[in-house]
């Protein structure tokens, strides 16, 4: 699957903050956001799975989300220990 480009609009304050961060770390705003999104992929996967399972039951979404996150964390811990 080809990579998808996402365009974000930043407030002037946030853009300035990212400029300062890049000057100090040599990590661009694009790199920072990409790494952040990649690290939160398990959270997004858990939310999507919970929404799919819950269907129209909004009350069940957060319970399912918590369960999916716990399962994800357990898999990550087991992978580290292996």
Protein backbone atom coordinates (compact mmCIF):
# COMPACT_ATOMS: atom_id res chain seq x y z
CA UNK A 1 0.00 0.00 0.00
CA UNK A 2 1.38 3.40 -0.96
CA UNK A 3 2.02 5.99 1.71
CA UNK A 4 -0.62 8.65 2.19
CA UNK A 5 0.19 12.30 2.70
CA UNK A 6 -1.67 14.22 5.40
CA UNK A 7 -1.66 18.01 5.51
CA UNK A 8 -2.07 19.75 8.87
CA UNK A 9 -2.74 23.40 9.55
CA UNK A 10 -0.84 24.67 12.60
CA UNK A 11 -1.49 27.78 14.62
CA UNK A 12 1.33 30.34 14.49
CA UNK A 13 2.19 29.52 18.11
CA UNK A 14 2.46 25.81 17.43
CA UNK A 15 4.48 26.38 14.26
CA UNK A 16 6.91 28.56 16.22
CA UNK A 17 7.18 25.90 18.91
CA UNK A 18 7.99 23.26 16.30
CA UNK A 19 10.62 25.59 14.80
CA UNK A 20 12.27 25.92 18.21
CA UNK A 21 12.08 22.17 18.76
CA UNK A 22 13.70 21.50 15.39
CA UNK A 23 16.48 24.00 16.10
CA UNK A 24 17.26 22.19 19.35
CA UNK A 25 16.84 18.58 18.21
CA UNK A 26 17.16 18.59 14.41
CA UNK A 27 13.83 16.75 14.32
CA UNK A 28 11.36 18.40 11.94
CA UNK A 29 7.69 18.88 12.73
CA UNK A 30 6.92 16.28 10.06
CA UNK A 31 9.22 13.72 11.68
CA UNK A 32 7.87 14.49 15.15
CA UNK A 33 4.23 14.08 14.12
CA UNK A 34 4.93 10.95 12.06
CA UNK A 35 6.72 9.29 14.99
CA UNK A 36 3.95 10.32 17.37
CA UNK A 37 1.25 8.89 15.12
CA UNK A 38 3.19 5.66 14.58
CA UNK A 39 3.66 5.21 18.33
CA UNK A 40 -0.07 5.66 18.92
CA UNK A 41 -1.09 3.18 16.22
CA UNK A 42 -2.11 0.53 18.81
CA UNK A 43 -4.46 3.08 20.39
CA UNK A 44 -6.07 3.88 17.05
CA UNK A 45 -6.36 0.18 16.22
CA UNK A 46 -8.06 -0.49 19.57
CA UNK A 47 -10.52 2.37 19.06
CA UNK A 48 -11.41 1.24 15.53
CA UNK A 49 -11.92 -2.34 16.73
CA UNK A 50 -14.09 -1.14 19.63
CA UNK A 51 -16.21 1.02 17.34
CA UNK A 52 -16.64 -1.87 14.91
CA UNK A 53 -17.62 -4.31 17.66
CA UNK A 54 -19.93 -1.93 19.49
CA UNK A 55 -21.94 -1.05 16.42
CA UNK A 56 -24.56 1.47 17.53
CA UNK A 57 -24.03 0.80 21.25
CA UNK A 58 -22.17 3.95 22.28
CA UNK A 59 -22.04 2.87 25.92
CA UNK A 60 -20.07 -0.25 25.01
CA UNK A 61 -17.39 1.59 23.02
CA UNK A 62 -15.25 2.72 25.95
CA UNK A 63 -15.50 -0.63 27.71
CA UNK A 64 -14.43 -2.43 24.54
CA UNK A 65 -11.70 0.16 23.94
CA UNK A 66 -10.26 -0.46 27.42
CA UNK A 67 -10.31 -4.21 26.83
CA UNK A 68 -8.63 -3.84 23.42
CA UNK A 69 -5.93 -1.57 24.88
CA UNK A 70 -5.24 -4.05 27.67
CA UNK A 71 -4.94 -6.86 25.13
CA UNK A 72 -2.58 -4.75 23.02
CA UNK A 73 -0.37 -3.92 26.01
CA UNK A 74 -0.23 -7.58 27.01
CA UNK A 75 0.85 -8.58 23.48
CA UNK A 76 3.55 -5.88 23.53
CA UNK A 77 4.87 -7.07 26.90
CA UNK A 78 4.93 -10.68 25.71
CA UNK A 79 6.81 -9.66 22.55
CA UNK A 80 9.44 -7.83 24.60
CA UNK A 81 9.90 -10.83 26.90
CA UNK A 82 10.21 -13.28 23.99
